Amino acid sequence: MTAPATPLDEAVSQLSAALLEQARAQAAANPVGDDDVLVGLNRIARHLSMSATTVTQLAESGELPARKVGTRWRASKRALSVWLEGDR
Protein backbone atom coordinates (compact mmCIF):
# COMPACT_ATOMS: atom_id res chain seq x y z
CA MET A 1 0.00 0.00 0.00
CA THR A 2 1.33 3.45 -0.90
CA ALA A 3 1.53 6.09 1.81
CA PRO A 4 -0.46 9.29 1.20
CA ALA A 5 1.50 12.13 -0.35
CA THR A 6 2.88 14.64 2.11
CA PRO A 7 2.71 18.40 1.50
CA LEU A 8 6.42 18.27 0.61
CA ASP A 9 5.79 15.50 -1.94
CA GLU A 10 3.02 17.57 -3.50
CA ALA A 11 5.20 20.71 -3.59
CA VAL A 12 8.05 18.82 -5.27
CA SER A 13 5.65 17.35 -7.80
CA GLN A 14 4.18 20.76 -8.61
CA LEU A 15 7.64 22.31 -8.94
CA SER A 16 8.79 19.51 -11.24
CA ALA A 17 5.72 19.94 -13.42
CA ALA A 18 6.26 23.71 -13.58
CA LEU A 19 9.92 23.31 -14.55
CA LEU A 20 9.05 20.76 -17.19
CA GLU A 21 6.40 23.05 -18.64
CA GLN A 22 8.89 25.94 -18.66
CA ALA A 23 11.47 23.83 -20.51
CA ARG A 24 8.87 22.71 -23.04
CA ALA A 25 7.66 26.28 -23.58
CA GLN A 26 11.20 27.54 -24.09
CA ALA A 27 11.97 24.72 -26.48
CA ALA A 28 8.80 25.49 -28.46
CA ALA A 29 9.65 29.20 -28.56
CA ASN A 30 13.18 28.53 -29.82
CA PRO A 31 13.07 26.11 -32.75
CA VAL A 32 16.19 23.99 -32.96
CA GLY A 33 18.43 23.02 -35.82
CA ASP A 34 19.61 19.52 -36.60
CA ASP A 35 22.89 20.14 -34.76
CA ASP A 36 20.96 20.79 -31.54
CA VAL A 37 19.04 17.50 -31.63
CA LEU A 38 20.32 14.36 -29.93
CA VAL A 39 18.89 11.13 -31.32
CA GLY A 40 18.86 7.98 -29.21
CA LEU A 41 18.82 7.41 -25.47
CA ASN A 42 22.52 6.55 -25.37
CA ARG A 43 23.50 9.91 -26.89
CA ILE A 44 21.12 11.74 -24.58
CA ALA A 45 22.57 9.82 -21.61
CA ARG A 46 26.15 10.69 -22.59
CA HIS A 47 25.20 14.36 -23.01
CA LEU A 48 23.65 14.40 -19.52
CA SER A 49 26.36 12.21 -17.94
CA MET A 50 23.67 9.82 -16.76
CA SER A 51 23.10 6.13 -17.24
CA ALA A 52 20.93 5.03 -20.14
CA THR A 53 18.64 3.31 -17.62
CA THR A 54 18.04 6.57 -15.74
CA VAL A 55 17.45 8.50 -18.97
CA THR A 56 15.01 5.82 -20.13
CA GLN A 57 13.04 6.08 -16.90
CA LEU A 58 12.98 9.90 -17.03
CA ALA A 59 11.97 9.94 -20.71
CA GLU A 60 9.23 7.35 -20.31
CA SER A 61 7.82 9.13 -17.25
CA GLY A 62 7.65 12.43 -19.16
CA GLU A 63 10.02 14.15 -16.75
CA LEU A 64 12.79 14.56 -19.34
CA PRO A 65 12.15 17.05 -22.16
CA ALA A 66 12.42 14.40 -24.87
CA ARG A 67 10.08 12.98 -27.46
CA LYS A 68 9.79 9.55 -28.98
CA VAL A 69 9.68 9.64 -32.76
CA GLY A 70 8.99 6.19 -34.12
CA THR A 71 11.20 3.91 -32.07
CA ARG A 72 13.89 6.49 -31.17
CA TRP A 73 13.99 9.18 -28.52
CA ARG A 74 15.01 12.72 -29.52
CA ALA A 75 15.92 15.65 -27.33
CA SER A 76 17.12 19.18 -27.87
CA LYS A 77 20.42 20.05 -26.22
CA ARG A 78 18.94 23.46 -25.42
CA ALA A 79 15.85 21.98 -23.72
CA LEU A 80 18.03 19.55 -21.77
CA SER A 81 20.20 22.45 -20.57
CA VAL A 82 17.12 24.35 -19.38
CA TRP A 83 15.88 21.20 -17.66
CA LEU A 84 19.23 20.68 -15.93
CA GLU A 85 19.39 24.31 -14.77
CA GLY A 86 15.95 23.97 -13.23
CA ASP A 87 16.99 20.77 -11.49
CA ARG A 88 19.58 22.53 -9.32
PDB file of N, CA and C in Angstrom:
ATOM      1  N   MET A   1       0.839  -1.172   0.000  1.00  0.00           N
ATOM      2  CA  MET A   1       0.000   0.000   0.000  1.00  0.00           C
ATOM      3  C   MET A   1       0.893   1.248   0.000  1.00  0.00           C
ATOM      4  N   THR A   2       0.551   2.228  -0.797  1.00  0.00           N
ATOM      5  CA  THR A   2       1.332   3.452  -0.897  1.00  0.00           C
ATOM      6  C   THR A   2       0.879   4.455   0.151  1.00  0.00           C
ATOM      7  N   ALA A   3       1.850   5.080   0.794  1.00  0.00           N
ATOM      8  CA  ALA A   3       1.534   6.093   1.811  1.00  0.00           C
ATOM      9  C   ALA A   3       0.984   7.334   1.124  1.00  0.00           C
ATOM     10  N   PRO A   4       0.078   8.062   1.798  1.00  0.00           N
ATOM     11  CA  PRO A   4      -0.456   9.291   1.195  1.00  0.00           C
ATOM     12  C   PRO A   4       0.662  10.307   0.987  1.00  0.00           C
ATOM     13  N   ALA A   5       0.508  11.111  -0.037  1.00  0.00           N
ATOM     14  CA  ALA A   5       1.505  12.134  -0.351  1.00  0.00           C
ATOM     15  C   ALA A   5       1.523  13.192   0.750  1.00  0.00           C
ATOM     16  N   THR A   6       2.726  13.583   1.114  1.00  0.00           N
ATOM     17  CA  THR A   6       2.881  14.641   2.107  1.00  0.00           C
ATOM     18  C   THR A   6       2.839  15.983   1.403  1.00  0.00           C
ATOM     19  N   PRO A   7       2.663  17.081   2.137  1.00  0.00           N
ATOM     20  CA  PRO A   7       2.707  18.401   1.500  1.00  0.00           C
ATOM     21  C   PRO A   7       4.027  18.637   0.756  1.00  0.00           C
ATOM     22  N   LEU A   8       5.135  18.118   1.297  1.00  0.00           N
ATOM     23  CA  LEU A   8       6.419  18.270   0.613  1.00  0.00           C
ATOM     24  C   LEU A   8       6.420  17.512  -0.703  1.00  0.00           C
ATOM     25  N   ASP A   9       5.882  16.281  -0.710  1.00  0.00           N
ATOM     26  CA  ASP A   9       5.791  15.504  -1.944  1.00  0.00           C
ATOM     27  C   ASP A   9       4.978  16.256  -2.996  1.00  0.00           C
ATOM     28  N   GLU A  10       3.875  16.829  -2.573  1.00  0.00           N
ATOM     29  CA  GLU A  10       3.018  17.570  -3.500  1.00  0.00           C
ATOM     30  C   GLU A  10       3.729  18.812  -4.033  1.00  0.00           C
ATOM     31  N   ALA A  11       4.465  19.517  -3.168  1.00  0.00           N
ATOM     32  CA  ALA A  11       5.197  20.712  -3.592  1.00  0.00           C
ATOM     33  C   ALA A  11       6.286  20.355  -4.597  1.00  0.00           C
ATOM     34  N   VAL A  12       6.999  19.262  -4.346  1.00  0.00           N
ATOM     35  CA  VAL A  12       8.046  18.818  -5.268  1.00  0.00           C
ATOM     36  C   VAL A  12       7.436  18.433  -6.605  1.00  0.00           C
ATOM     37  N   SER A  13       6.321  17.753  -6.571  1.00  0.00           N
ATOM     38  CA  SER A  13       5.647  17.352  -7.800  1.00  0.00           C
ATOM     39  C   SER A  13       5.190  18.560  -8.605  1.00  0.00           C
ATOM     40  N   GLN A  14       4.630  19.542  -7.927  1.00  0.00           N
ATOM     41  CA  GLN A  14       4.178  20.764  -8.613  1.00  0.00           C
ATOM     42  C   GLN A  14       5.355  21.530  -9.195  1.00  0.00           C
ATOM     43  N   LEU A  15       6.459  21.619  -8.454  1.00  0.00           N
ATOM     44  CA  LEU A  15       7.639  22.314  -8.943  1.00  0.00           C
ATOM     45  C   LEU A  15       8.221  21.600 -10.157  1.00  0.00           C
ATOM     46  N   SER A  16       8.286  20.283 -10.105  1.00  0.00           N
ATOM     47  CA  SER A  16       8.792  19.507 -11.237  1.00  0.00           C
ATOM     48  C   SER A  16       7.932  19.731 -12.476  1.00  0.00           C
ATOM     49  N   ALA A  17       6.631  19.720 -12.284  1.00  0.00           N
ATOM     50  CA  ALA A  17       5.718  19.941 -13.416  1.00  0.00           C
ATOM     51  C   ALA A  17       5.899  21.346 -13.988  1.00  0.00           C
ATOM     52  N   ALA A  18       6.073  22.331 -13.124  1.00  0.00           N
ATOM     53  CA  ALA A  18       6.259  23.713 -13.581  1.00  0.00           C
ATOM     54  C   ALA A  18       7.569  23.855 -14.351  1.00  0.00           C
ATOM     55  N   LEU A  19       8.631  23.234 -13.858  1.00  0.00           N
ATOM     56  CA  LEU A  19       9.920  23.311 -14.545  1.00  0.00           C
ATOM     57  C   LEU A  19       9.872  22.607 -15.895  1.00  0.00           C
ATOM     58  N   LEU A  20       9.196  21.482 -15.938  1.00  0.00           N
ATOM     59  CA  LEU A  20       9.053  20.757 -17.194  1.00  0.00           C
ATOM     60  C   LEU A  20       8.269  21.594 -18.197  1.00  0.00           C
ATOM     61  N   GLU A  21       7.202  22.206 -17.750  1.00  0.00           N
ATOM     62  CA  GLU A  21       6.398  23.053 -18.640  1.00  0.00           C
ATOM     63  C   GLU A  21       7.221  24.239 -19.143  1.00  0.00           C
ATOM     64  N   GLN A  22       8.035  24.825 -18.266  1.00  0.00           N
ATOM     65  CA  GLN A  22       8.893  25.938 -18.658  1.00  0.00           C
ATOM     66  C   GLN A  22       9.899  25.498 -19.722  1.00  0.00           C
ATOM     67  N   ALA A  23      10.508  24.337 -19.532  1.00  0.00           N
ATOM     68  CA  ALA A  23      11.468  23.827 -20.514  1.00  0.00           C
ATOM     69  C   ALA A  23      10.789  23.554 -21.847  1.00  0.00           C
ATOM     70  N   ARG A  24       9.597  22.980 -21.787  1.00  0.00           N
ATOM     71  CA  ARG A  24       8.867  22.706 -23.037  1.00  0.00           C
ATOM     72  C   ARG A  24       8.481  24.000 -23.749  1.00  0.00           C
ATOM     73  N   ALA A  25       8.043  24.995 -22.986  1.00  0.00           N
ATOM     74  CA  ALA A  25       7.656  26.282 -23.583  1.00  0.00           C
ATOM     75  C   ALA A  25       8.864  26.956 -24.221  1.00  0.00           C
ATOM     76  N   GLN A  26       9.992  26.925 -23.541  1.00  0.00           N
ATOM     77  CA  GLN A  26      11.195  27.544 -24.088  1.00  0.00           C
ATOM     78  C   GLN A  26      11.648  26.806 -25.336  1.00  0.00           C
ATOM     79  N   ALA A  27      11.577  25.496 -25.313  1.00  0.00           N
ATOM     80  CA  ALA A  27      11.968  24.720 -26.484  1.00  0.00           C
ATOM     81  C   ALA A  27      11.043  25.014 -27.660  1.00  0.00           C
ATOM     82  N   ALA A  28       9.755  25.181 -27.389  1.00  0.00           N
ATOM     83  CA  ALA A  28       8.800  25.490 -28.460  1.00  0.00           C
ATOM     84  C   ALA A  28       9.021  26.891 -29.008  1.00  0.00           C
ATOM     85  N   ALA A  29       9.433  27.812 -28.140  1.00  0.00           N
ATOM     86  CA  ALA A  29       9.650  29.200 -28.559  1.00  0.00           C
ATOM     87  C   ALA A  29      10.950  29.369 -29.333  1.00  0.00           C
ATOM     88  N   ASN A  30      11.870  28.442 -29.166  1.00  0.00           N
ATOM     89  CA  ASN A  30      13.175  28.527 -29.821  1.00  0.00           C
ATOM     90  C   ASN A  30      13.401  27.281 -30.659  1.00  0.00           C
ATOM     91  N   PRO A  31      12.888  27.290 -31.906  1.00  0.00           N
ATOM     92  CA  PRO A  31      13.065  26.106 -32.750  1.00  0.00           C
ATOM     93  C   PRO A  31      14.545  25.741 -32.851  1.00  0.00           C
ATOM     94  N   VAL A  32      14.812  24.470 -32.959  1.00  0.00           N
ATOM     95  CA  VAL A  32      16.189  23.993 -32.965  1.00  0.00           C
ATOM     96  C   VAL A  32      16.596  23.513 -34.340  1.00  0.00           C
ATOM     97  N   GLY A  33      17.880  23.563 -34.589  1.00  0.00           N
ATOM     98  CA  GLY A  33      18.425  23.023 -35.820  1.00  0.00           C
ATOM     99  C   GLY A  33      18.845  21.587 -35.609  1.00  0.00           C
ATOM    100  N   ASP A  34      19.213  20.923 -36.698  1.00  0.00           N
ATOM    101  CA  ASP A  34      19.612  19.517 -36.597  1.00  0.00           C
ATOM    102  C   ASP A  34      20.816  19.308 -35.683  1.00  0.00           C
ATOM    103  N   ASP A  35      21.707  20.306 -35.598  1.00  0.00           N
ATOM    104  CA  ASP A  35      22.893  20.143 -34.758  1.00  0.00           C
ATOM    105  C   ASP A  35      22.565  20.235 -33.273  1.00  0.00           C
ATOM    106  N   ASP A  36      21.366  20.671 -32.938  1.00  0.00           N
ATOM    107  CA  ASP A  36      20.955  20.794 -31.544  1.00  0.00           C
ATOM    108  C   ASP A  36      20.210  19.545 -31.069  1.00  0.00           C
ATOM    109  N   VAL A  37      19.866  18.657 -31.978  1.00  0.00           N
ATOM    110  CA  VAL A  37      19.042  17.503 -31.627  1.00  0.00           C
ATOM    111  C   VAL A  37      19.905  16.270 -31.388  1.00  0.00           C
ATOM    112  N   LEU A  38      19.676  15.636 -30.245  1.00  0.00           N
ATOM    113  CA  LEU A  38      20.323  14.363 -29.927  1.00  0.00           C
ATOM    114  C   LEU A  38      19.330  13.254 -30.243  1.00  0.00           C
ATOM    115  N   VAL A  39      19.763  12.242 -30.955  1.00  0.00           N
ATOM    116  CA  VAL A  39      18.893  11.129 -31.316  1.00  0.00           C
ATOM    117  C   VAL A  39      19.403   9.871 -30.627  1.00  0.00           C
ATOM    118  N   GLY A  40      18.522   9.226 -29.887  1.00  0.00           N
ATOM    119  CA  GLY A  40      18.861   7.979 -29.209  1.00  0.00           C
ATOM    120  C   GLY A  40      19.150   8.205 -27.737  1.00  0.00           C
ATOM    121  N   LEU A  41      18.646   7.287 -26.912  1.00  0.00           N
ATOM    122  CA  LEU A  41      18.818   7.412 -25.467  1.00  0.00           C
ATOM    123  C   LEU A  41      20.280   7.369 -25.041  1.00  0.00           C
ATOM    124  N   ASN A  42      21.106   6.609 -25.745  1.00  0.00           N
ATOM    125  CA  ASN A  42      22.519   6.549 -25.368  1.00  0.00           C
ATOM    126  C   ASN A  42      23.210   7.893 -25.573  1.00  0.00           C
ATOM    127  N   ARG A  43      22.912   8.584 -26.666  1.00  0.00           N
ATOM    128  CA  ARG A  43      23.505   9.915 -26.894  1.00  0.00           C
ATOM    129  C   ARG A  43      22.982  10.923 -25.870  1.00  0.00           C
ATOM    130  N   ILE A  44      21.698  10.849 -25.580  1.00  0.00           N
ATOM    131  CA  ILE A  44      21.122  11.740 -24.579  1.00  0.00           C
ATOM    132  C   ILE A  44      21.773  11.467 -23.224  1.00  0.00           C
ATOM    133  N   ALA A  45      21.953  10.196 -22.890  1.00  0.00           N
ATOM    134  CA  ALA A  45      22.571   9.822 -21.611  1.00  0.00           C
ATOM    135  C   ALA A  45      24.003  10.337 -21.523  1.00  0.00           C
ATOM    136  N   ARG A  46      24.767  10.180 -22.599  1.00  0.00           N
ATOM    137  CA  ARG A  46      26.146  10.687 -22.595  1.00  0.00           C
ATOM    138  C   ARG A  46      26.168  12.199 -22.420  1.00  0.00           C
ATOM    139  N   HIS A  47      25.267  12.894 -23.103  1.00  0.00           N
ATOM    140  CA  HIS A  47      25.195  14.357 -23.008  1.00  0.00           C
ATOM    141  C   HIS A  47      24.894  14.798 -21.571  1.00  0.00           C
ATOM    142  N   LEU A  48      24.047  14.051 -20.885  1.00  0.00           N
ATOM    143  CA  LEU A  48      23.650  14.399 -19.519  1.00  0.00           C
ATOM    144  C   LEU A  48      24.564  13.789 -18.452  1.00  0.00           C
ATOM    145  N   SER A  49      25.501  12.949 -18.880  1.00  0.00           N
ATOM    146  CA  SER A  49      26.365  12.207 -17.944  1.00  0.00           C
ATOM    147  C   SER A  49      25.528  11.382 -16.974  1.00  0.00           C
ATOM    148  N   MET A  50      24.551  10.687 -17.533  1.00  0.00           N
ATOM    149  CA  MET A  50      23.673   9.817 -16.762  1.00  0.00           C
ATOM    150  C   MET A  50      23.686   8.436 -17.402  1.00  0.00           C
ATOM    151  N   SER A  51      23.205   7.469 -16.664  1.00  0.00           N
ATOM    152  CA  SER A  51      23.100   6.131 -17.240  1.00  0.00           C
ATOM    153  C   SER A  51      21.926   6.086 -18.215  1.00  0.00           C
ATOM    154  N   ALA A  52      22.014   5.195 -19.182  1.00  0.00           N
ATOM    155  CA  ALA A  52      20.929   5.026 -20.144  1.00  0.00           C
ATOM    156  C   ALA A  52      19.652   4.573 -19.441  1.00  0.00           C
ATOM    157  N   THR A  53      19.801   3.781 -18.378  1.00  0.00           N
ATOM    158  CA  THR A  53      18.640   3.312 -17.620  1.00  0.00           C
ATOM    159  C   THR A  53      17.899   4.487 -16.984  1.00  0.00           C
ATOM    160  N   THR A  54      18.650   5.396 -16.368  1.00  0.00           N
ATOM    161  CA  THR A  54      18.037   6.570 -15.742  1.00  0.00           C
ATOM    162  C   THR A  54      17.354   7.441 -16.785  1.00  0.00           C
ATOM    163  N   VAL A  55      18.025   7.672 -17.899  1.00  0.00           N
ATOM    164  CA  VAL A  55      17.453   8.500 -18.968  1.00  0.00           C
ATOM    165  C   VAL A  55      16.191   7.842 -19.516  1.00  0.00           C
ATOM    166  N   THR A  56      16.203   6.526 -19.657  1.00  0.00           N
ATOM    167  CA  THR A  56      15.011   5.822 -20.131  1.00  0.00           C
ATOM    168  C   THR A  56      13.843   6.039 -19.179  1.00  0.00           C
ATOM    169  N   GLN A  57      14.102   5.888 -17.887  1.00  0.00           N
ATOM    170  CA  GLN A  57      13.038   6.076 -16.899  1.00  0.00           C
ATOM    171  C   GLN A  57      12.508   7.513 -16.924  1.00  0.00           C
ATOM    172  N   LEU A  58      13.401   8.490 -17.001  1.00  0.00           N
ATOM    173  CA  LEU A  58      12.985   9.899 -17.028  1.00  0.00           C
ATOM    174  C   LEU A  58      12.197  10.217 -18.304  1.00  0.00           C
ATOM    175  N   ALA A  59      12.655   9.691 -19.430  1.00  0.00           N
ATOM    176  CA  ALA A  59      11.973   9.943 -20.706  1.00  0.00           C
ATOM    177  C   ALA A  59      10.593   9.305 -20.721  1.00  0.00           C
ATOM    178  N   GLU A  60      10.516   8.054 -20.288  1.00  0.00           N
ATOM    179  CA  GLU A  60       9.231   7.351 -20.312  1.00  0.00           C
ATOM    180  C   GLU A  60       8.233   7.944 -19.326  1.00  0.00           C
ATOM    181  N   SER A  61       8.723   8.528 -18.240  1.00  0.00           N
ATOM    182  CA  SER A  61       7.821   9.135 -17.254  1.00  0.00           C
ATOM    183  C   SER A  61       7.360  10.527 -17.680  1.00  0.00           C
ATOM    184  N   GLY A  62       8.015  11.088 -18.713  1.00  0.00           N
ATOM    185  CA  GLY A  62       7.655  12.429 -19.164  1.00  0.00           C
ATOM    186  C   GLY A  62       8.402  13.532 -18.437  1.00  0.00           C
ATOM    187  N   GLU A  63       9.279  13.149 -17.516  1.00  0.00           N
ATOM    188  CA  GLU A  63      10.022  14.154 -16.751  1.00  0.00           C
ATOM    189  C   GLU A  63      11.123  14.804 -17.590  1.00  0.00           C
ATOM    190  N   LEU A  64      11.708  14.060 -18.490  1.00  0.00           N
ATOM    191  CA  LEU A  64      12.787  14.556 -19.338  1.00  0.00           C
ATOM    192  C   LEU A  64      12.181  15.226 -20.576  1.00  0.00           C
ATOM    193  N   PRO A  65      12.686  16.399 -20.960  1.00  0.00           N
ATOM    194  CA  PRO A  65      12.148  17.051 -22.160  1.00  0.00           C
ATOM    195  C   PRO A  65      12.647  16.346 -23.425  1.00  0.00           C
ATOM    196  N   ALA A  66      12.063  15.210 -23.698  1.00  0.00           N
ATOM    197  CA  ALA A  66      12.420  14.401 -24.869  1.00  0.00           C
ATOM    198  C   ALA A  66      11.136  13.869 -25.491  1.00  0.00           C
ATOM    199  N   ARG A  67      11.247  13.458 -26.726  1.00  0.00           N
ATOM    200  CA  ARG A  67      10.083  12.985 -27.458  1.00  0.00           C
ATOM    201  C   ARG A  67      10.447  11.724 -28.232  1.00  0.00           C
ATOM    202  N   LYS A  68       9.557  10.775 -28.223  1.00  0.00           N
ATOM    203  CA  LYS A  68       9.790   9.548 -28.981  1.00  0.00           C
ATOM    204  C   LYS A  68       9.224   9.727 -30.380  1.00  0.00           C
ATOM    205  N   VAL A  69      10.081   9.542 -31.365  1.00  0.00           N
ATOM    206  CA  VAL A  69       9.676   9.636 -32.763  1.00  0.00           C
ATOM    207  C   VAL A  69       9.937   8.266 -33.369  1.00  0.00           C
ATOM    208  N   GLY A  70       8.859   7.572 -33.674  1.00  0.00           N
ATOM    209  CA  GLY A  70       8.991   6.187 -34.118  1.00  0.00           C
ATOM    210  C   GLY A  70       9.482   5.345 -32.960  1.00  0.00           C
ATOM    211  N   THR A  71      10.643   4.746 -33.132  1.00  0.00           N
ATOM    212  CA  THR A  71      11.201   3.913 -32.065  1.00  0.00           C
ATOM    213  C   THR A  71      12.358   4.590 -31.341  1.00  0.00           C
ATOM    214  N   ARG A  72      12.711   5.818 -31.744  1.00  0.00           N
ATOM    215  CA  ARG A  72      13.888   6.489 -31.174  1.00  0.00           C
ATOM    216  C   ARG A  72      13.490   7.736 -30.406  1.00  0.00           C
ATOM    217  N   TRP A  73      14.203   7.975 -29.320  1.00  0.00           N
ATOM    218  CA  TRP A  73      13.988   9.177 -28.524  1.00  0.00           C
ATOM    219  C   TRP A  73      14.840  10.296 -29.084  1.00  0.00           C
ATOM    220  N   ARG A  74      14.293  11.517 -29.074  1.00  0.00           N
ATOM    221  CA  ARG A  74      15.006  12.715 -29.524  1.00  0.00           C
ATOM    222  C   ARG A  74      14.885  13.779 -28.447  1.00  0.00           C
ATOM    223  N   ALA A  75      15.942  14.558 -28.305  1.00  0.00           N
ATOM    224  CA  ALA A  75      15.923  15.648 -27.331  1.00  0.00           C
ATOM    225  C   ALA A  75      16.787  16.790 -27.833  1.00  0.00           C
ATOM    226  N   SER A  76      16.358  17.986 -27.543  1.00  0.00           N
ATOM    227  CA  SER A  76      17.117  19.179 -27.873  1.00  0.00           C
ATOM    228  C   SER A  76      18.156  19.431 -26.786  1.00  0.00           C
ATOM    229  N   LYS A  77      19.382  19.706 -27.192  1.00  0.00           N
ATOM    230  CA  LYS A  77      20.422  20.047 -26.219  1.00  0.00           C
ATOM    231  C   LYS A  77      19.998  21.272 -25.415  1.00  0.00           C
ATOM    232  N   ARG A  78      19.382  22.225 -26.084  1.00  0.00           N
ATOM    233  CA  ARG A  78      18.942  23.460 -25.423  1.00  0.00           C
ATOM    234  C   ARG A  78      17.889  23.157 -24.357  1.00  0.00           C
ATOM    235  N   ALA A  79      16.904  22.330 -24.695  1.00  0.00           N
ATOM    236  CA  ALA A  79      15.850  21.980 -23.724  1.00  0.00           C
ATOM    237  C   ALA A  79      16.428  21.188 -22.553  1.00  0.00           C
ATOM    238  N   LEU A  80      17.386  20.315 -22.845  1.00  0.00           N
ATOM    239  CA  LEU A  80      18.025  19.552 -21.775  1.00  0.00           C
ATOM    240  C   LEU A  80      18.804  20.469 -20.836  1.00  0.00           C
ATOM    241  N   SER A  81      19.468  21.489 -21.407  1.00  0.00           N
ATOM    242  CA  SER A  81      20.200  22.453 -20.573  1.00  0.00           C
ATOM    243  C   SER A  81      19.248  23.211 -19.646  1.00  0.00           C
ATOM    244  N   VAL A  82      18.125  23.644 -20.194  1.00  0.00           N
ATOM    245  CA  VAL A  82      17.122  24.347 -19.377  1.00  0.00           C
ATOM    246  C   VAL A  82      16.616  23.428 -18.275  1.00  0.00           C
ATOM    247  N   TRP A  83      16.354  22.184 -18.629  1.00  0.00           N
ATOM    248  CA  TRP A  83      15.880  21.195 -17.656  1.00  0.00           C
ATOM    249  C   TRP A  83      16.908  20.979 -16.549  1.00  0.00           C
ATOM    250  N   LEU A  84      18.177  20.878 -16.935  1.00  0.00           N
ATOM    251  CA  LEU A  84      19.229  20.680 -15.934  1.00  0.00           C
ATOM    252  C   LEU A  84      19.364  21.890 -15.008  1.00  0.00           C
ATOM    253  N   GLU A  85      19.289  23.091 -15.578  1.00  0.00           N
ATOM    254  CA  GLU A  85      19.394  24.312 -14.769  1.00  0.00           C
ATOM    255  C   GLU A  85      18.266  24.389 -13.757  1.00  0.00           C
ATOM    256  N   GLY A  86      17.092  23.950 -14.142  1.00  0.00           N
ATOM    257  CA  GLY A  86      15.948  23.967 -13.235  1.00  0.00           C
ATOM    258  C   GLY A  86      16.035  22.900 -12.178  1.00  0.00           C
ATOM    259  N   ASP A  87      16.862  21.890 -12.411  1.00  0.00           N
ATOM    260  CA  ASP A  87      16.986  20.766 -11.487  1.00  0.00           C
ATOM    261  C   ASP A  87      17.908  21.078 -10.307  1.00  0.00           C
ATOM    262  N   ARG A  88      18.607  22.191 -10.377  1.00  0.00           N
ATOM    263  CA  ARG A  88      19.577  22.530  -9.315  1.00  0.00           C
ATOM    264  C   ARG A  88      18.926  23.095  -8.098  1.00  0.00           C
TER     265      ARG A  88
END
